Amino acid sequence: MNAGYYFILFAVVLLGGMLAHRFPLTRRHTVDYFLSFSAAFLFGIVAVHLIPLVGKSDNPYIGVCILLGFLIQIALETLTQGAEHCHEHRASSTRFLPLITGLLIHAFLEGLPLDFYSDIEVHQAPHTPINSLFWGILIHKFPAAYTLGTLLSGMSLRGTKYYLPLILFALATPLGAALPHFIPLSKDLQLVTISIVIGFMLHIATSILYEMDKEHHSRDLKKGGLILLGMGLAALSA
């Protein structure tokens, strides 16, 4: 994975937070439309690319690691109250330090397999035209950064106090991706790390879709269409 990927991850998060500060959305359903697409695309990437890839491993603990990732994400939500999957209503009551700590841990851990995943995917599926894990992570970074920016604005933070946590959040995933360059992981540990991130992603994608159903009780045609579009694009990338 070249330096351009790291820069894109950083820039998208920073852009999301800056837009939240400059142009706060007052119409919640506008955010929901984007979330419908991003959650469906994320779920599709997990189903089409990530699970089949780790499923080829002989490691008997892959399924346990997926469950572990799911549980770690639940534990992190005791700090973030769901900000990483854009649940700003609950997260608005979260204190600043737990919120930032939970988001940074989440962002760092999901970045760990990014670099070596690219090599594994190309080796096992050379016809695949994209780094699917990169796009799966990227697609939920923008709304997560926008939600963080909204929460920071709601805490009346301005200037450095606003942008410093945003910059740290933007750096966390690239730093996680860079770590294996300094501490190499065995093939088994690489697959374990990917499996844990699959658990993260499954929790995030299903939480977004479930929460929107619970809040709105029905899905309009636009949201349904965006869900089909997100899953369809993930399927076409196979």
C-alpha atoms as a PDB file:
ATOM      1  CA  MET A   1       0.000   0.000   0.000  1.00  0.00           C
ATOM      2  CA  ASN A   2       1.667   3.227  -1.136  1.00  0.00           C
ATOM      3  CA  ALA A   3       1.792   6.576   0.639  1.00  0.00           C
ATOM      4  CA  GLY A   4      -1.206   7.863  -1.325  1.00  0.00           C
ATOM      5  CA  TYR A   5      -3.542   5.527   0.574  1.00  0.00           C
ATOM      6  CA  TYR A   6      -2.292   6.846   3.907  1.00  0.00           C
ATOM      7  CA  PHE A   7      -2.830  10.413   2.761  1.00  0.00           C
ATOM      8  CA  ILE A   8      -6.372   9.693   1.524  1.00  0.00           C
ATOM      9  CA  LEU A   9      -7.317   8.155   4.889  1.00  0.00           C
ATOM     10  CA  PHE A  10      -5.952  11.182   6.718  1.00  0.00           C
ATOM     11  CA  ALA A  11      -7.526  13.722   4.345  1.00  0.00           C
ATOM     12  CA  VAL A  12     -11.013  12.167   4.324  1.00  0.00           C
ATOM     13  CA  VAL A  13     -11.223  12.209   8.123  1.00  0.00           C
ATOM     14  CA  LEU A  14      -9.953  15.770   8.322  1.00  0.00           C
ATOM     15  CA  LEU A  15     -12.376  16.868   5.603  1.00  0.00           C
ATOM     16  CA  GLY A  16     -15.335  15.242   7.380  1.00  0.00           C
ATOM     17  CA  GLY A  17     -14.521  17.023  10.628  1.00  0.00           C
ATOM     18  CA  MET A  18     -13.956  20.375   8.936  1.00  0.00           C
ATOM     19  CA  LEU A  19     -17.254  20.164   7.074  1.00  0.00           C
ATOM     20  CA  ALA A  20     -19.078  19.386  10.326  1.00  0.00           C
ATOM     21  CA  HIS A  21     -17.572  22.538  11.826  1.00  0.00           C
ATOM     22  CA  ARG A  22     -18.302  24.767   8.841  1.00  0.00           C
ATOM     23  CA  PHE A  23     -21.537  23.283   7.493  1.00  0.00           C
ATOM     24  CA  PRO A  24     -23.495  21.435  10.188  1.00  0.00           C
ATOM     25  CA  LEU A  25     -26.412  19.461   8.755  1.00  0.00           C
ATOM     26  CA  THR A  26     -29.739  20.313  10.298  1.00  0.00           C
ATOM     27  CA  ARG A  27     -31.684  17.612   8.445  1.00  0.00           C
ATOM     28  CA  ARG A  28     -30.979  14.264  10.060  1.00  0.00           C
ATOM     29  CA  HIS A  29     -32.459  12.241   7.200  1.00  0.00           C
ATOM     30  CA  THR A  30     -29.761  13.606   4.866  1.00  0.00           C
ATOM     31  CA  VAL A  31     -27.148  11.943   7.072  1.00  0.00           C
ATOM     32  CA  ASP A  32     -29.240   8.769   7.228  1.00  0.00           C
ATOM     33  CA  TYR A  33     -29.194   8.437   3.451  1.00  0.00           C
ATOM     34  CA  PHE A  34     -25.412   8.470   3.375  1.00  0.00           C
ATOM     35  CA  LEU A  35     -25.259   6.080   6.324  1.00  0.00           C
ATOM     36  CA  SER A  36     -27.601   3.638   4.547  1.00  0.00           C
ATOM     37  CA  PHE A  37     -25.201   3.470   1.621  1.00  0.00           C
ATOM     38  CA  SER A  38     -22.011   3.323   3.698  1.00  0.00           C
ATOM     39  CA  ALA A  39     -23.301   0.601   6.047  1.00  0.00           C
ATOM     40  CA  ALA A  40     -24.522  -1.524   3.145  1.00  0.00           C
ATOM     41  CA  PHE A  41     -21.243  -1.106   1.270  1.00  0.00           C
ATOM     42  CA  LEU A  42     -19.236  -1.947   4.395  1.00  0.00           C
ATOM     43  CA  PHE A  43     -21.335  -5.054   5.047  1.00  0.00           C
ATOM     44  CA  GLY A  44     -20.979  -6.065   1.399  1.00  0.00           C
ATOM     45  CA  ILE A  45     -17.181  -5.718   1.478  1.00  0.00           C
ATOM     46  CA  VAL A  46     -17.044  -7.931   4.570  1.00  0.00           C
ATOM     47  CA  ALA A  47     -19.290 -10.579   2.995  1.00  0.00           C
ATOM     48  CA  VAL A  48     -17.784 -10.577  -0.503  1.00  0.00           C
ATOM     49  CA  HIS A  49     -14.087 -10.035   0.205  1.00  0.00           C
ATOM     50  CA  LEU A  50     -12.995 -10.331   3.820  1.00  0.00           C
ATOM     51  CA  ILE A  51     -14.827 -13.415   5.111  1.00  0.00           C
ATOM     52  CA  PRO A  52     -14.000 -15.546   2.027  1.00  0.00           C
ATOM     53  CA  LEU A  53     -10.344 -14.517   2.306  1.00  0.00           C
ATOM     54  CA  VAL A  54      -9.877 -15.490   5.963  1.00  0.00           C
ATOM     55  CA  GLY A  55     -12.068 -18.543   5.391  1.00  0.00           C
ATOM     56  CA  LYS A  56      -9.315 -20.034   3.217  1.00  0.00           C
ATOM     57  CA  SER A  57      -7.037 -20.213   6.247  1.00  0.00           C
ATOM     58  CA  ASP A  58      -6.360 -23.432   8.162  1.00  0.00           C
ATOM     59  CA  ASN A  59      -6.324 -21.464  11.421  1.00  0.00           C
ATOM     60  CA  PRO A  60      -9.154 -22.957  13.552  1.00  0.00           C
ATOM     61  CA  TYR A  61      -9.525 -19.739  15.583  1.00  0.00           C
ATOM     62  CA  ILE A  62     -10.577 -17.395  12.747  1.00  0.00           C
ATOM     63  CA  GLY A  63     -14.252 -17.535  13.750  1.00  0.00           C
ATOM     64  CA  VAL A  64     -13.371 -16.916  17.401  1.00  0.00           C
ATOM     65  CA  CYS A  65     -11.304 -13.885  16.366  1.00  0.00           C
ATOM     66  CA  ILE A  66     -14.255 -12.461  14.438  1.00  0.00           C
ATOM     67  CA  LEU A  67     -16.370 -12.816  17.578  1.00  0.00           C
ATOM     68  CA  LEU A  68     -13.560 -11.242  19.599  1.00  0.00           C
ATOM     69  CA  GLY A  69     -13.528  -8.214  17.275  1.00  0.00           C
ATOM     70  CA  PHE A  70     -17.289  -7.888  17.669  1.00  0.00           C
ATOM     71  CA  LEU A  71     -16.940  -7.960  21.468  1.00  0.00           C
ATOM     72  CA  ILE A  72     -14.035  -5.490  21.472  1.00  0.00           C
ATOM     73  CA  GLN A  73     -16.192  -3.056  19.524  1.00  0.00           C
ATOM     74  CA  ILE A  74     -18.993  -3.462  22.074  1.00  0.00           C
ATOM     75  CA  ALA A  75     -16.473  -2.731  24.839  1.00  0.00           C
ATOM     76  CA  LEU A  76     -15.206   0.379  23.028  1.00  0.00           C
ATOM     77  CA  GLU A  77     -18.765   1.672  22.823  1.00  0.00           C
ATOM     78  CA  THR A  78     -18.819   1.994  26.601  1.00  0.00           C
ATOM     79  CA  LEU A  79     -16.384   4.855  25.924  1.00  0.00           C
ATOM     80  CA  THR A  80     -17.704   6.252  22.647  1.00  0.00           C
ATOM     81  CA  GLN A  81     -21.443   5.528  22.953  1.00  0.00           C
ATOM     82  CA  GLY A  82     -21.547   4.610  19.271  1.00  0.00           C
ATOM     83  CA  ALA A  83     -19.855   7.659  17.740  1.00  0.00           C
ATOM     84  CA  GLU A  84     -17.812   5.434  15.400  1.00  0.00           C
ATOM     85  CA  HIS A  85     -21.035   4.301  13.749  1.00  0.00           C
ATOM     86  CA  CYS A  86     -22.429   7.835  13.839  1.00  0.00           C
ATOM     87  CA  HIS A  87     -24.839   7.542  16.759  1.00  0.00           C
ATOM     88  CA  GLU A  88     -24.452  11.149  17.816  1.00  0.00           C
ATOM     89  CA  HIS A  89     -27.573  11.244  20.005  1.00  0.00           C
ATOM     90  CA  ARG A  90     -26.169   8.822  22.573  1.00  0.00           C
ATOM     91  CA  ALA A  91     -22.599  10.032  22.123  1.00  0.00           C
ATOM     92  CA  SER A  92     -23.577  13.632  22.868  1.00  0.00           C
ATOM     93  CA  SER A  93     -23.702  12.743  26.575  1.00  0.00           C
ATOM     94  CA  THR A  94     -20.244  11.130  26.494  1.00  0.00           C
ATOM     95  CA  ARG A  95     -17.365  12.898  28.223  1.00  0.00           C
ATOM     96  CA  PHE A  96     -14.570  14.202  26.009  1.00  0.00           C
ATOM     97  CA  LEU A  97     -11.687  11.979  27.177  1.00  0.00           C
ATOM     98  CA  PRO A  98     -13.523   8.613  26.975  1.00  0.00           C
ATOM     99  CA  LEU A  99     -14.936   9.585  23.575  1.00  0.00           C
ATOM    100  CA  ILE A 100     -11.538  10.427  22.065  1.00  0.00           C
ATOM    101  CA  THR A 101      -9.805   7.462  23.727  1.00  0.00           C
ATOM    102  CA  GLY A 102     -12.346   4.968  22.383  1.00  0.00           C
ATOM    103  CA  LEU A 103     -12.296   6.433  18.872  1.00  0.00           C
ATOM    104  CA  LEU A 104      -8.493   6.447  18.715  1.00  0.00           C
ATOM    105  CA  ILE A 105      -8.252   2.813  19.857  1.00  0.00           C
ATOM    106  CA  HIS A 106     -10.887   1.786  17.311  1.00  0.00           C
ATOM    107  CA  ALA A 107      -9.237   3.706  14.456  1.00  0.00           C
ATOM    108  CA  PHE A 108      -5.748   2.417  15.297  1.00  0.00           C
ATOM    109  CA  LEU A 109      -6.800  -1.242  15.526  1.00  0.00           C
ATOM    110  CA  GLU A 110      -8.760  -1.209  12.274  1.00  0.00           C
ATOM    111  CA  GLY A 111      -5.712   0.207  10.493  1.00  0.00           C
ATOM    112  CA  LEU A 112      -3.359  -2.609  11.623  1.00  0.00           C
ATOM    113  CA  PRO A 113      -4.063  -5.049   8.757  1.00  0.00           C
ATOM    114  CA  LEU A 114      -4.398  -2.459   5.994  1.00  0.00           C
ATOM    115  CA  ASP A 115      -0.926  -2.728   4.517  1.00  0.00           C
ATOM    116  CA  PHE A 116      -0.354  -6.490   4.589  1.00  0.00           C
ATOM    117  CA  TYR A 117      -3.991  -7.183   3.643  1.00  0.00           C
ATOM    118  CA  SER A 118      -3.270  -5.693   0.227  1.00  0.00           C
ATOM    119  CA  ASP A 119      -0.526  -8.282  -0.383  1.00  0.00           C
ATOM    120  CA  ILE A 120      -2.702 -11.160   0.855  1.00  0.00           C
ATOM    121  CA  GLU A 121      -5.654 -10.123  -1.305  1.00  0.00           C
ATOM    122  CA  VAL A 122      -3.580  -9.742  -4.462  1.00  0.00           C
ATOM    123  CA  HIS A 123      -1.937 -13.124  -3.823  1.00  0.00           C
ATOM    124  CA  GLN A 124      -5.207 -14.986  -3.214  1.00  0.00           C
ATOM    125  CA  ALA A 125      -7.439 -13.042  -5.627  1.00  0.00           C
ATOM    126  CA  PRO A 126      -5.244 -11.463  -8.327  1.00  0.00           C
ATOM    127  CA  HIS A 127      -8.280 -10.461 -10.378  1.00  0.00           C
ATOM    128  CA  THR A 128      -9.515  -8.132  -7.611  1.00  0.00           C
ATOM    129  CA  PRO A 129      -9.041  -4.540  -8.853  1.00  0.00           C
ATOM    130  CA  ILE A 130      -9.238  -2.803  -5.449  1.00  0.00           C
ATOM    131  CA  ASN A 131      -7.894  -3.015  -1.922  1.00  0.00           C
ATOM    132  CA  SER A 132     -11.295  -3.931  -0.515  1.00  0.00           C
ATOM    133  CA  LEU A 133     -10.345  -3.476   3.148  1.00  0.00           C
ATOM    134  CA  PHE A 134      -9.092   0.038   2.405  1.00  0.00           C
ATOM    135  CA  TRP A 135     -12.381   1.005   0.739  1.00  0.00           C
ATOM    136  CA  GLY A 136     -14.437  -0.641   3.458  1.00  0.00           C
ATOM    137  CA  ILE A 137     -12.632   1.397   6.116  1.00  0.00           C
ATOM    138  CA  LEU A 138     -12.613   4.592   4.069  1.00  0.00           C
ATOM    139  CA  ILE A 139     -16.337   4.539   3.346  1.00  0.00           C
ATOM    140  CA  HIS A 140     -17.261   4.732   7.037  1.00  0.00           C
ATOM    141  CA  LYS A 141     -14.472   7.156   7.981  1.00  0.00           C
ATOM    142  CA  PHE A 142     -16.139  10.216   6.497  1.00  0.00           C
ATOM    143  CA  PRO A 143     -19.464   9.959   8.401  1.00  0.00           C
ATOM    144  CA  ALA A 144     -17.594   8.956  11.576  1.00  0.00           C
ATOM    145  CA  ALA A 145     -15.375  12.054  11.268  1.00  0.00           C
ATOM    146  CA  TYR A 146     -18.427  14.213  10.555  1.00  0.00           C
ATOM    147  CA  THR A 147     -20.112  12.858  13.686  1.00  0.00           C
ATOM    148  CA  LEU A 148     -16.977  13.510  15.750  1.00  0.00           C
ATOM    149  CA  GLY A 149     -16.863  17.078  14.416  1.00  0.00           C
ATOM    150  CA  THR A 150     -20.522  17.552  15.305  1.00  0.00           C
ATOM    151  CA  LEU A 151     -19.890  16.305  18.848  1.00  0.00           C
ATOM    152  CA  LEU A 152     -16.814  18.503  19.299  1.00  0.00           C
ATOM    153  CA  SER A 153     -18.809  21.524  18.109  1.00  0.00           C
ATOM    154  CA  GLY A 154     -21.561  20.596  20.565  1.00  0.00           C
ATOM    155  CA  MET A 155     -18.969  20.678  23.345  1.00  0.00           C
ATOM    156  CA  SER A 156     -18.241  24.307  22.316  1.00  0.00           C
ATOM    157  CA  LEU A 157     -14.652  23.466  21.386  1.00  0.00           C
ATOM    158  CA  ARG A 158     -12.955  25.910  19.044  1.00  0.00           C
ATOM    159  CA  GLY A 159      -9.568  26.376  17.396  1.00  0.00           C
ATOM    160  CA  THR A 160      -6.822  24.021  18.580  1.00  0.00           C
ATOM    161  CA  LYS A 161      -9.137  22.252  21.046  1.00  0.00           C
ATOM    162  CA  TYR A 162     -11.387  21.350  18.104  1.00  0.00           C
ATOM    163  CA  TYR A 163      -8.776  20.403  15.499  1.00  0.00           C
ATOM    164  CA  LEU A 164      -6.248  18.567  17.688  1.00  0.00           C
ATOM    165  CA  PRO A 165      -8.536  15.578  18.493  1.00  0.00           C
ATOM    166  CA  LEU A 166      -9.693  15.569  14.880  1.00  0.00           C
ATOM    167  CA  ILE A 167      -6.092  15.404  13.618  1.00  0.00           C
ATOM    168  CA  LEU A 168      -5.294  12.619  16.101  1.00  0.00           C
ATOM    169  CA  PHE A 169      -8.331  10.676  14.857  1.00  0.00           C
ATOM    170  CA  ALA A 170      -7.201  11.226  11.254  1.00  0.00           C
ATOM    171  CA  LEU A 171      -3.693   9.949  12.073  1.00  0.00           C
ATOM    172  CA  ALA A 172      -4.751   6.883  14.082  1.00  0.00           C
ATOM    173  CA  THR A 173      -5.623   4.551  11.187  1.00  0.00           C
ATOM    174  CA  PRO A 174      -2.539   5.382   9.060  1.00  0.00           C
ATOM    175  CA  LEU A 175      -0.370   4.882  12.156  1.00  0.00           C
ATOM    176  CA  GLY A 176      -1.992   1.495  12.754  1.00  0.00           C
ATOM    177  CA  ALA A 177      -1.341   0.545   9.127  1.00  0.00           C
ATOM    178  CA  ALA A 178       2.334   1.579   9.448  1.00  0.00           C
ATOM    179  CA  LEU A 179       3.014  -0.389  12.660  1.00  0.00           C
ATOM    180  CA  PRO A 180       3.559  -3.816  10.993  1.00  0.00           C
ATOM    181  CA  HIS A 181       6.468  -2.271   9.077  1.00  0.00           C
ATOM    182  CA  PHE A 182       8.272  -1.947  12.418  1.00  0.00           C
ATOM    183  CA  ILE A 183       6.848  -5.029  14.163  1.00  0.00           C
ATOM    184  CA  PRO A 184       6.379  -7.722  11.464  1.00  0.00           C
ATOM    185  CA  LEU A 185       3.569 -10.224  12.027  1.00  0.00           C
ATOM    186  CA  SER A 186       3.484 -13.880  11.016  1.00  0.00           C
ATOM    187  CA  LYS A 187       0.911 -14.982   8.428  1.00  0.00           C
ATOM    188  CA  ASP A 188      -1.274 -16.470  11.162  1.00  0.00           C
ATOM    189  CA  LEU A 189      -1.206 -13.246  13.183  1.00  0.00           C
ATOM    190  CA  GLN A 190      -2.010 -11.260  10.046  1.00  0.00           C
ATOM    191  CA  LEU A 191      -5.149 -13.341   9.468  1.00  0.00           C
ATOM    192  CA  VAL A 192      -6.083 -13.056  13.156  1.00  0.00           C
ATOM    193  CA  THR A 193      -5.804  -9.249  12.904  1.00  0.00           C
ATOM    194  CA  ILE A 194      -7.960  -9.152   9.760  1.00  0.00           C
ATOM    195  CA  SER A 195     -10.548 -11.367  11.481  1.00  0.00           C
ATOM    196  CA  ILE A 196     -10.756  -9.015  14.472  1.00  0.00           C
ATOM    197  CA  VAL A 197     -11.325  -6.082  12.101  1.00  0.00           C
ATOM    198  CA  ILE A 198     -14.080  -8.096  10.388  1.00  0.00           C
ATOM    199  CA  GLY A 199     -15.774  -8.286  13.795  1.00  0.00           C
ATOM    200  CA  PHE A 200     -15.463  -4.494  14.132  1.00  0.00           C
ATOM    201  CA  MET A 201     -16.986  -3.936  10.720  1.00  0.00           C
ATOM    202  CA  LEU A 202     -19.850  -6.361  11.202  1.00  0.00           C
ATOM    203  CA  HIS A 203     -20.798  -4.605  14.429  1.00  0.00           C
ATOM    204  CA  ILE A 204     -20.626  -1.142  12.861  1.00  0.00           C
ATOM    205  CA  ALA A 205     -22.559  -2.011   9.688  1.00  0.00           C
ATOM    206  CA  THR A 206     -25.317  -3.958  11.424  1.00  0.00           C
ATOM    207  CA  SER A 207     -25.635  -1.347  14.180  1.00  0.00           C
ATOM    208  CA  ILE A 208     -26.210   1.445  11.660  1.00  0.00           C
ATOM    209  CA  LEU A 209     -28.837  -0.521   9.739  1.00  0.00           C
ATOM    210  CA  TYR A 210     -30.567  -1.728  12.916  1.00  0.00           C
ATOM    211  CA  GLU A 211     -30.626   1.688  14.577  1.00  0.00           C
ATOM    212  CA  MET A 212     -32.164   3.330  11.517  1.00  0.00           C
ATOM    213  CA  ASP A 213     -34.875   0.669  11.427  1.00  0.00           C
ATOM    214  CA  LYS A 214     -35.561   1.127  15.140  1.00  0.00           C
ATOM    215  CA  GLU A 215     -35.701   4.917  14.906  1.00  0.00           C
ATOM    216  CA  HIS A 216     -37.794   5.173  11.747  1.00  0.00           C
ATOM    217  CA  HIS A 217     -39.727   1.861  11.943  1.00  0.00           C
ATOM    218  CA  SER A 218     -39.879   1.713   8.161  1.00  0.00           C
ATOM    219  CA  ARG A 219     -37.502   2.251   5.316  1.00  0.00           C
ATOM    220  CA  ASP A 220     -38.358   4.619   2.488  1.00  0.00           C
ATOM    221  CA  LEU A 221     -37.540   3.802  -1.136  1.00  0.00           C
ATOM    222  CA  LYS A 222     -34.475   6.069  -1.227  1.00  0.00           C
ATOM    223  CA  LYS A 223     -32.847   4.297   1.708  1.00  0.00           C
ATOM    224  CA  GLY A 224     -33.736   0.906   0.282  1.00  0.00           C
ATOM    225  CA  GLY A 225     -32.249   1.895  -3.057  1.00  0.00           C
ATOM    226  CA  LEU A 226     -29.055   3.163  -1.421  1.00  0.00           C
ATOM    227  CA  ILE A 227     -28.702  -0.082   0.525  1.00  0.00           C
ATOM    228  CA  LEU A 228     -29.045  -2.058  -2.711  1.00  0.00           C
ATOM    229  CA  LEU A 229     -26.536   0.266  -4.393  1.00  0.00           C
ATOM    230  CA  GLY A 230     -23.982  -0.150  -1.592  1.00  0.00           C
ATOM    231  CA  MET A 231     -24.238  -3.945  -1.545  1.00  0.00           C
ATOM    232  CA  GLY A 232     -24.320  -4.052  -5.332  1.00  0.00           C
ATOM    233  CA  LEU A 233     -21.093  -2.065  -5.678  1.00  0.00           C
ATOM    234  CA  ALA A 234     -19.415  -4.338  -3.129  1.00  0.00           C
ATOM    235  CA  ALA A 235     -20.581  -7.405  -5.080  1.00  0.00           C
ATOM    236  CA  LEU A 236     -19.385  -5.942  -8.404  1.00  0.00           C
ATOM    237  CA  SER A 237     -15.926  -5.348  -6.924  1.00  0.00           C
ATOM    238  CA  ALA A 238     -15.447  -9.110  -6.456  1.00  0.00           C
END
